[in-house]
Amino acid sequence: MSYKLMFAAGLTAVLLAGCTQNIRPTDVDRAVIGAGTGYVVQKVAGKDNSDRLAGAAIGAAGGALCDDVGLCQ
């Protein structure tokens, strides 16, 4: 998989991880949402299981940290 596609998938996972309007999610909630989003994005774009797990890890980290950097408040 190209690095551009992997970067785009990771960035998408990070941005979608904050889509929890009006429910006051915790860091764990956002991490779970981010992991699921990252997994699905990588499953669609990836070729093997390691790509999907990497997408889930990137999404989980992005979801847990998005409020700390001001992306999802």
Protein backbone atom coordinates (compact mmCIF):
# COMPACT_ATOMS: atom_id res chain seq x y z
CA MET A 1 0.00 0.00 0.00
CA SER A 2 1.29 3.45 -0.82
CA TYR A 3 2.25 5.78 1.97
CA LYS A 4 -0.12 8.44 0.67
CA LEU A 5 -3.08 6.10 0.96
CA MET A 6 -1.97 4.95 4.41
CA PHE A 7 -1.56 8.55 5.56
CA ALA A 8 -4.96 9.50 4.16
CA ALA A 9 -6.61 6.53 5.87
CA GLY A 10 -4.96 7.41 9.17
CA LEU A 11 -5.93 11.04 8.90
CA THR A 12 -9.50 10.07 8.08
CA ALA A 13 -9.60 7.78 11.09
CA VAL A 14 -8.34 10.56 13.35
CA LEU A 15 -10.89 13.06 12.06
CA LEU A 16 -13.82 10.64 12.19
CA ALA A 17 -12.92 9.52 15.69
CA GLY A 18 -14.23 12.82 17.06
CA CYS A 19 -17.72 12.42 15.60
CA THR A 20 -19.49 12.11 18.93
CA GLN A 21 -21.52 15.27 19.15
CA ASN A 22 -23.73 15.89 22.16
CA ILE A 23 -22.92 12.70 24.08
CA ARG A 24 -19.92 13.88 26.17
CA PRO A 25 -17.68 10.89 25.42
CA THR A 26 -14.68 9.94 27.52
CA ASP A 27 -11.22 9.24 26.10
CA VAL A 28 -12.04 5.52 26.11
CA ASP A 29 -15.24 6.08 24.13
CA ARG A 30 -13.38 8.12 21.52
CA ALA A 31 -10.58 5.53 21.38
CA VAL A 32 -13.08 2.73 20.70
CA ILE A 33 -14.81 4.78 18.00
CA GLY A 34 -11.45 5.68 16.49
CA ALA A 35 -10.25 2.08 16.52
CA GLY A 36 -13.41 0.92 14.78
CA THR A 37 -13.17 3.68 12.20
CA GLY A 38 -9.49 3.03 11.56
CA TYR A 39 -10.11 -0.69 11.19
CA VAL A 40 -12.89 -0.18 8.66
CA VAL A 41 -10.91 2.38 6.65
CA GLN A 42 -7.92 0.05 6.48
CA LYS A 43 -10.11 -2.95 5.68
CA VAL A 44 -11.49 -1.11 2.69
CA ALA A 45 -8.09 0.21 1.57
CA GLY A 46 -5.71 -2.44 2.92
CA LYS A 47 -4.56 -5.83 1.73
CA ASP A 48 -3.84 -7.85 4.87
CA ASN A 49 -4.53 -8.01 8.60
CA SER A 50 -1.51 -5.96 9.63
CA ASP A 51 -2.88 -2.98 7.71
CA ARG A 52 -6.20 -3.28 9.55
CA LEU A 53 -4.56 -3.51 12.95
CA ALA A 54 -2.37 -0.51 12.17
CA GLY A 55 -5.46 1.46 11.16
CA ALA A 56 -7.19 0.48 14.39
CA ALA A 57 -4.17 1.53 16.44
CA ILE A 58 -3.88 4.87 14.66
CA GLY A 59 -7.62 5.48 15.04
CA ALA A 60 -7.59 4.58 18.73
CA ALA A 61 -4.70 6.92 19.43
CA GLY A 62 -6.31 9.69 17.40
CA GLY A 63 -9.64 9.23 19.12
CA ALA A 64 -8.16 9.23 22.60
CA LEU A 65 -6.01 12.29 21.96
CA CYS A 66 -8.24 14.39 19.69
CA ASP A 67 -9.67 16.48 22.53
CA ASP A 68 -6.18 17.12 23.92
CA VAL A 69 -5.13 18.83 20.71
CA GLY A 70 -8.47 20.60 20.19
CA LEU A 71 -9.88 18.62 17.24
CA CYS A 72 -13.01 17.36 18.97
CA GLN A 73 -14.38 19.47 21.77
